[in-house]
């Protein structure tokens, strides 16, 4: 039977609410009190070629630079060492990240799930996975189980580490890239959706034009705002470039729209009161 509690009686370590900062304007979108929170799950989806892996690698590399000693792990189930070597040539700071490569074992006999469990048990602050769907498929094949059961095992593993059930008692945050359908819809069960603290979407202004402007937007967010766009450019300078000026302008526009909406509602209320008084 589940225990019934009052939140005022629940005690947390204050450090749990000190976020990881990247030092970029993206921190403003990640959480209302800035930065990437601890012990949460952020899912990342987006149009093909929009730069999901690059954005995540850039984020965790920036966090690692901002906070020395932060333990970060990137689990790659999509790309091998040769693939990621190309990324490091373009973005040298990615070369300092801890990376665990997970590839399908066609010869059989290997069980990556057990290896991942052993590595995560060491305790990590942030774990990025690229991608959940691909990792789920590998677990399915190696364990000879259904996709649903593979998802259950991975979600159970994530939940345990969110709650600091590891050797260092660290509330691990997971950044998980997920694949989408051709129409851009999220692939995954309702269980997966419910475990997500926030859904970060990387989109193109024109999905049919890979060269159109790209932006970050949250469609679900328990820790921040939804619908605010942050445009970015995958430059060749070694850093992702965010358009902070355009972001500030959009915030001003949203605030203005909110203010006007409030004024209209107040005016409507005053009119209704006046109309009702006239009838009486």
Protein backbone atom coordinates (compact mmCIF):
# COMPACT_ATOMS: atom_id res chain seq x y z
CA UNK A 1 0.00 0.00 0.00
CA UNK A 2 1.33 3.43 -0.97
CA UNK A 3 2.28 5.76 1.86
CA UNK A 4 0.24 8.96 2.18
CA UNK A 5 2.29 12.09 2.94
CA UNK A 6 2.01 15.85 3.10
CA UNK A 7 4.60 17.65 0.98
CA UNK A 8 5.34 20.05 3.85
CA UNK A 9 6.62 17.04 5.81
CA UNK A 10 8.89 15.75 3.03
CA UNK A 11 12.53 16.79 3.42
CA UNK A 12 15.06 17.18 0.60
CA UNK A 13 18.72 18.07 0.44
CA UNK A 14 18.76 21.78 -0.60
CA UNK A 15 21.50 20.90 -3.08
CA UNK A 16 18.94 18.94 -5.08
CA UNK A 17 17.49 22.27 -6.28
CA UNK A 18 20.78 23.80 -7.39
CA UNK A 19 20.77 23.42 -11.16
CA UNK A 20 23.55 22.66 -13.61
CA UNK A 21 24.37 25.74 -15.70
CA UNK A 22 25.61 25.71 -19.29
CA UNK A 23 26.46 29.42 -19.37
CA UNK A 24 24.22 29.99 -22.43
CA UNK A 25 20.75 31.45 -22.89
CA UNK A 26 19.46 27.88 -23.18
CA UNK A 27 19.58 27.81 -19.36
CA UNK A 28 16.52 30.09 -19.37
CA UNK A 29 14.45 27.52 -21.25
CA UNK A 30 15.70 24.50 -19.31
CA UNK A 31 14.11 25.69 -16.07
CA UNK A 32 12.26 28.71 -14.69
CA UNK A 33 15.09 29.15 -12.15
CA UNK A 34 17.72 28.56 -14.87
CA UNK A 35 19.79 25.55 -15.72
CA UNK A 36 19.26 21.81 -15.93
CA UNK A 37 17.60 20.41 -12.77
CA UNK A 38 18.79 17.34 -10.88
CA UNK A 39 17.02 14.00 -10.83
CA UNK A 40 14.74 14.73 -13.80
CA UNK A 41 14.14 13.34 -17.29
CA UNK A 42 14.24 15.54 -20.37
CA UNK A 43 13.25 14.00 -23.70
CA UNK A 44 14.61 15.52 -26.91
CA UNK A 45 12.83 15.06 -30.24
CA UNK A 46 13.03 16.87 -33.56
CA UNK A 47 12.99 16.92 -37.32
CA UNK A 48 15.66 14.88 -39.12
CA UNK A 49 18.92 16.77 -39.54
CA UNK A 50 17.98 19.49 -37.08
CA UNK A 51 20.96 18.74 -34.81
CA UNK A 52 19.56 16.85 -31.82
CA UNK A 53 22.82 15.08 -31.00
CA UNK A 54 24.87 18.24 -31.50
CA UNK A 55 22.64 20.30 -29.21
CA UNK A 56 22.81 17.70 -26.44
CA UNK A 57 26.56 17.19 -26.74
CA UNK A 58 27.07 20.96 -26.73
CA UNK A 59 24.86 21.31 -23.64
CA UNK A 60 26.62 18.66 -21.56
CA UNK A 61 30.08 19.81 -22.70
CA UNK A 62 29.22 23.35 -21.60
CA UNK A 63 27.91 22.12 -18.24
CA UNK A 64 31.09 20.12 -17.71
CA UNK A 65 33.15 23.23 -18.38
CA UNK A 66 31.03 25.43 -16.11
CA UNK A 67 30.99 23.01 -13.18
CA UNK A 68 34.26 21.16 -12.72
CA UNK A 69 33.77 17.75 -11.17
CA UNK A 70 30.31 17.21 -12.62
CA UNK A 71 30.09 13.56 -13.66
CA UNK A 72 28.56 13.31 -17.13
CA UNK A 73 28.12 10.27 -19.35
CA UNK A 74 27.00 10.06 -22.98
CA UNK A 75 25.59 6.69 -24.06
CA UNK A 76 25.70 6.36 -27.84
CA UNK A 77 23.48 3.67 -29.34
CA UNK A 78 23.24 5.46 -32.70
CA UNK A 79 26.84 6.29 -33.64
CA UNK A 80 30.14 4.47 -33.25
CA UNK A 81 33.59 5.87 -32.54
CA UNK A 82 34.25 6.75 -36.19
CA UNK A 83 30.94 8.63 -36.49
CA UNK A 84 31.61 10.69 -33.38
CA UNK A 85 35.16 11.45 -34.48
CA UNK A 86 33.64 13.74 -37.11
CA UNK A 87 31.76 15.63 -34.39
CA UNK A 88 34.94 16.08 -32.37
CA UNK A 89 36.75 17.54 -35.38
CA UNK A 90 34.03 20.20 -35.68
CA UNK A 91 33.45 20.64 -31.95
CA UNK A 92 36.74 19.84 -30.13
CA UNK A 93 35.20 20.22 -26.66
CA UNK A 94 33.20 17.03 -27.27
CA UNK A 95 36.48 15.13 -27.09
CA UNK A 96 36.58 15.50 -23.29
CA UNK A 97 33.22 13.80 -22.67
CA UNK A 98 32.86 10.33 -21.15
CA UNK A 99 31.23 8.16 -23.82
CA UNK A 100 29.89 4.61 -23.65
CA UNK A 101 29.30 3.05 -27.07
CA UNK A 102 26.49 0.51 -27.27
CA UNK A 103 26.22 -1.46 -30.51
CA UNK A 104 24.14 -4.50 -31.41
CA UNK A 105 26.04 -7.73 -30.83
CA UNK A 106 25.24 -9.78 -33.93
CA UNK A 107 27.31 -12.71 -32.66
CA UNK A 108 25.21 -12.98 -29.52
CA UNK A 109 26.30 -13.56 -25.95
CA UNK A 110 26.73 -9.92 -24.96
CA UNK A 111 24.25 -8.12 -22.72
CA UNK A 112 24.64 -4.34 -22.86
CA UNK A 113 21.84 -3.79 -20.34
CA UNK A 114 23.93 -5.39 -17.58
CA UNK A 115 26.96 -3.35 -18.65
CA UNK A 116 24.93 -0.13 -18.55
CA UNK A 117 23.52 -1.04 -15.14
CA UNK A 118 27.05 -1.57 -13.81
CA UNK A 119 28.31 1.73 -15.20
CA UNK A 120 25.31 3.73 -13.95
CA UNK A 121 25.71 2.19 -10.51
CA UNK A 122 28.90 4.25 -10.16
CA UNK A 123 26.71 7.35 -9.87
CA UNK A 124 26.49 10.09 -12.53
CA UNK A 125 25.13 13.62 -12.37
CA UNK A 126 23.93 13.67 -15.97
CA UNK A 127 23.45 10.84 -18.45
CA UNK A 128 22.59 11.57 -22.09
CA UNK A 129 21.25 8.74 -24.27
CA UNK A 130 21.18 8.74 -28.07
CA UNK A 131 18.69 7.32 -28.68
CA UNK A 132 16.19 5.68 -26.32
CA UNK A 133 14.41 3.86 -29.14
CA UNK A 134 17.66 2.43 -30.54
CA UNK A 135 18.84 1.37 -27.07
CA UNK A 136 15.43 -0.18 -26.43
CA UNK A 137 15.77 -2.21 -29.64
CA UNK A 138 19.24 -3.44 -28.67
CA UNK A 139 18.00 -4.55 -25.23
CA UNK A 140 15.05 -6.30 -26.88
CA UNK A 141 17.29 -8.31 -29.19
CA UNK A 142 20.01 -9.16 -26.68
CA UNK A 143 17.60 -10.14 -23.89
CA UNK A 144 15.16 -11.84 -26.31
CA UNK A 145 12.18 -9.94 -24.91
CA UNK A 146 9.42 -7.69 -26.27
CA UNK A 147 9.88 -3.99 -26.97
CA UNK A 148 7.44 -3.22 -24.15
CA UNK A 149 9.46 -5.22 -21.64
CA UNK A 150 12.69 -3.63 -22.88
CA UNK A 151 11.12 -0.22 -22.31
CA UNK A 152 10.03 -1.29 -18.82
CA UNK A 153 13.57 -2.36 -17.90
CA UNK A 154 15.08 0.90 -19.15
CA UNK A 155 12.45 3.08 -17.45
CA UNK A 156 12.92 1.19 -14.20
CA UNK A 157 16.68 1.75 -14.44
CA UNK A 158 16.21 5.47 -15.10
CA UNK A 159 13.75 5.84 -12.22
CA UNK A 160 16.12 4.19 -9.75
CA UNK A 161 18.92 6.59 -10.61
CA UNK A 162 16.58 9.61 -10.58
CA UNK A 163 16.04 8.64 -6.94
CA UNK A 164 19.77 8.30 -6.25
CA UNK A 165 19.81 4.52 -5.90
CA UNK A 166 23.48 4.22 -6.81
CA UNK A 167 26.85 4.03 -5.09
CA UNK A 168 27.30 7.79 -4.71
CA UNK A 169 23.65 8.58 -3.85
CA UNK A 170 23.44 10.90 -6.85
CA UNK A 171 20.08 12.03 -8.25
CA UNK A 172 20.85 11.44 -11.91
CA UNK A 173 19.34 13.60 -14.63
CA UNK A 174 18.70 11.91 -17.97
CA UNK A 175 18.73 13.70 -21.33
CA UNK A 176 17.25 11.23 -23.78
CA UNK A 177 17.02 11.69 -27.52
CA UNK A 178 14.00 9.94 -29.01
CA UNK A 179 13.13 9.20 -32.59
CA UNK A 180 9.99 10.57 -34.26
CA UNK A 181 7.70 9.48 -37.07
CA UNK A 182 7.90 10.96 -40.57
CA UNK A 183 5.28 13.50 -39.51
CA UNK A 184 7.43 14.52 -36.54
CA UNK A 185 5.31 12.83 -33.86
CA UNK A 186 6.85 11.36 -30.72
CA UNK A 187 7.56 7.61 -30.73
CA UNK A 188 6.91 6.00 -27.38
CA UNK A 189 4.32 4.70 -24.94
CA UNK A 190 2.21 6.69 -22.50
CA UNK A 191 4.42 5.34 -19.70
CA UNK A 192 7.43 6.95 -21.34
CA UNK A 193 5.57 10.24 -21.77
CA UNK A 194 4.50 10.28 -18.13
CA UNK A 195 8.09 9.83 -16.89
CA UNK A 196 9.23 12.89 -18.81
CA UNK A 197 9.72 16.11 -16.86
CA UNK A 198 10.06 18.10 -20.06
CA UNK A 199 9.82 17.56 -23.80
CA UNK A 200 12.39 19.59 -25.72
CA UNK A 201 11.61 19.87 -29.41
CA UNK A 202 14.13 20.95 -32.05
CA UNK A 203 12.29 22.15 -35.11
CA UNK A 204 12.74 23.81 -38.50
CA UNK A 205 10.66 26.83 -39.47
CA UNK A 206 10.03 24.96 -42.70
CA UNK A 207 10.24 21.16 -42.12
CA UNK A 208 10.63 20.63 -45.86
CA UNK A 209 13.70 22.86 -46.04
CA UNK A 210 16.72 21.63 -44.07
CA UNK A 211 18.33 25.07 -44.48
CA UNK A 212 15.48 26.98 -42.82
CA UNK A 213 15.88 28.51 -39.36
CA UNK A 214 16.12 26.10 -36.44
CA UNK A 215 14.77 26.59 -32.95
CA UNK A 216 14.38 24.95 -29.54
CA UNK A 217 10.92 24.91 -27.96
CA UNK A 218 9.36 22.99 -25.07
CA UNK A 219 5.94 21.40 -25.67
CA UNK A 220 5.76 19.98 -22.12
CA UNK A 221 7.57 21.44 -19.13
CA UNK A 222 7.05 20.86 -15.42
CA UNK A 223 9.94 23.17 -14.56
CA UNK A 224 9.54 26.01 -17.06
CA UNK A 225 7.63 27.65 -19.90
CA UNK A 226 6.22 26.04 -23.01
CA UNK A 227 5.96 27.60 -26.45
CA UNK A 228 8.94 29.97 -26.20
CA UNK A 229 11.25 29.61 -29.19
CA UNK A 230 15.03 29.89 -29.00
CA UNK A 231 16.66 29.97 -32.44
CA UNK A 232 20.11 28.53 -32.93
CA UNK A 233 22.79 27.96 -35.52
CA UNK A 234 25.11 24.94 -35.79
CA UNK A 235 28.16 26.99 -36.61
CA UNK A 236 31.63 25.63 -37.31
CA UNK A 237 33.21 27.67 -34.50
CA UNK A 238 33.16 24.89 -31.92
CA UNK A 239 29.99 26.11 -30.20
CA UNK A 240 26.28 26.11 -30.95
CA UNK A 241 25.23 29.73 -31.46
CA UNK A 242 21.92 30.81 -29.87
CA UNK A 243 20.07 33.93 -31.04
CA UNK A 244 19.60 35.59 -27.66
CA UNK A 245 18.33 38.88 -29.11
CA UNK A 246 15.53 37.14 -31.02
CA UNK A 247 14.68 35.17 -27.87
CA UNK A 248 14.40 38.35 -25.79
CA UNK A 249 12.17 39.93 -28.42
CA UNK A 250 9.84 36.92 -28.39
CA UNK A 251 9.64 37.07 -24.59
CA UNK A 252 8.70 40.76 -24.78
CA UNK A 253 6.03 39.96 -27.36
CA UNK A 254 4.59 37.16 -25.21
CA UNK A 255 4.52 39.44 -22.17
CA UNK A 256 2.79 42.13 -24.20
CA UNK A 257 0.20 39.66 -25.49
CA UNK A 258 -0.39 38.42 -21.94
CA UNK A 259 -0.82 41.98 -20.69
CA UNK A 260 -3.31 42.81 -23.45
CA UNK A 261 -5.26 39.61 -22.78
CA UNK A 262 -5.49 40.47 -19.08
CA UNK A 263 -6.72 43.98 -19.88
CA UNK A 264 -9.36 42.57 -22.25
CA UNK A 265 -10.58 40.13 -19.60
CA UNK A 266 -10.77 42.93 -17.01
CA UNK A 267 -12.69 45.10 -19.47
CA UNK A 268 -15.11 42.25 -20.22
CA UNK A 269 -15.67 41.68 -16.48
CA UNK A 270 -16.34 45.39 -15.93
CA UNK A 271 -18.79 45.43 -18.84
CA UNK A 272 -20.62 42.37 -17.50
CA UNK A 273 -20.89 43.92 -14.05
CA UNK A 274 -22.17 47.19 -15.49
CA UNK A 275 -24.69 45.35 -17.70
CA UNK A 276 -25.95 43.27 -14.78
CA UNK A 277 -26.33 46.34 -12.58
CA UNK A 278 -28.36 48.07 -15.30
CA UNK A 279 -30.74 45.10 -15.48
CA UNK A 280 -31.21 45.06 -11.73
